[in-house]
Amino acid sequence: MSMNRREFLKIAGISTIAGIGGTALAGGLRKGVIEAAQTAPNTDALTGKKWGIAIDMSKLKSEENIKRVTEACHRIHNVPDFSNTKDEVKWIWTETFEHSFPGQEHKFMAEDMKHKPFLLLCNHCDNPACVRVCPTKATFKRKDGIVMQDMHRCIGCRFCMAACPFGARSFNYKNPRLAKNLQEYMNPEFPTRTIGVVEKCTFCYERLAKGLKPACVEESNGALVFGDLEDPASEIRKILASKHTIRRKPELGTEPNIYYIIGGNDYAVVPEIK
């Protein structure tokens, strides 16, 4: 009986979940996966111990602002658009407060906050459940905290999608290269994916390697602040120390690294770091 590579990996992945030969498989892949996905040393590269983003909701004043941010991400990363929710692939998207922060809403909160669209993306958690369940290590965590997705190693089992409590992952039910938007424009510097694999935000690791901030941050006009959460002198740390922020589903213990600044002053930037 013939068996192609995808079939083999799928069976191997199931075996890993079942504990059959899992240690051997993981050990064989781990070194190669990490080395392949780490960016090459570059003196211009942005480096950090734990990357995070603070999103100042007061600066995202219109749907046009938000649309510009999401389109920048999806355009650069060749995210397919099939114009229907069933086949939707998303790296960054919006939801209402109620759906973004379930359990944190109350009847006295401001009406505009209830209906405001909140930007959502992978939280690059300290304790990512998606990494623990991936049978082929296609999902793994880098030393700088970025939770990566290697689409070449993904076997499409979707265990990571079931494990992620934030809905941050999308499955390619259709060939993404045939999407109308990618037929019209495709970024030649970023790889396209194939049908049957999972994808998600990777904090623009490819831009960090060039010394650039994530595309969403660059297009946000200061509403999104990206930085090293382990650096007390970083802008993001100063913002988090001076502003009230919330995170998505903190009770689950995954320790998200996306923070939302709600209410308060119009500007999140503290005076000494303007």
Foldseek 3Di string as FASTA:
>chain_A
DDDDPLRVLVVLLVCLVVVNCLVVLCVVQVVVVQVVPADDDDPLFADAQAKFKEFELLLCPDVVLVVQLQCQQCQQALQFDQPDPVQHFGAKDWDFPCLQAPPPDDPPDDPCNRGPTDIDHALLFPAQQLCVSGSNSLWDAHSHSFTHGNLVRFSLPCPSCVRDPRNRKGARQDARCPGPVNVVPHNPVHDGHGHRTMDYDRQPSVQSSNNHGRRSCVSNVQRMDMDHCVDCPDQVNVLPVPADWDHHPVVVVRHGRYIYGDDDDSHSGDVVVD
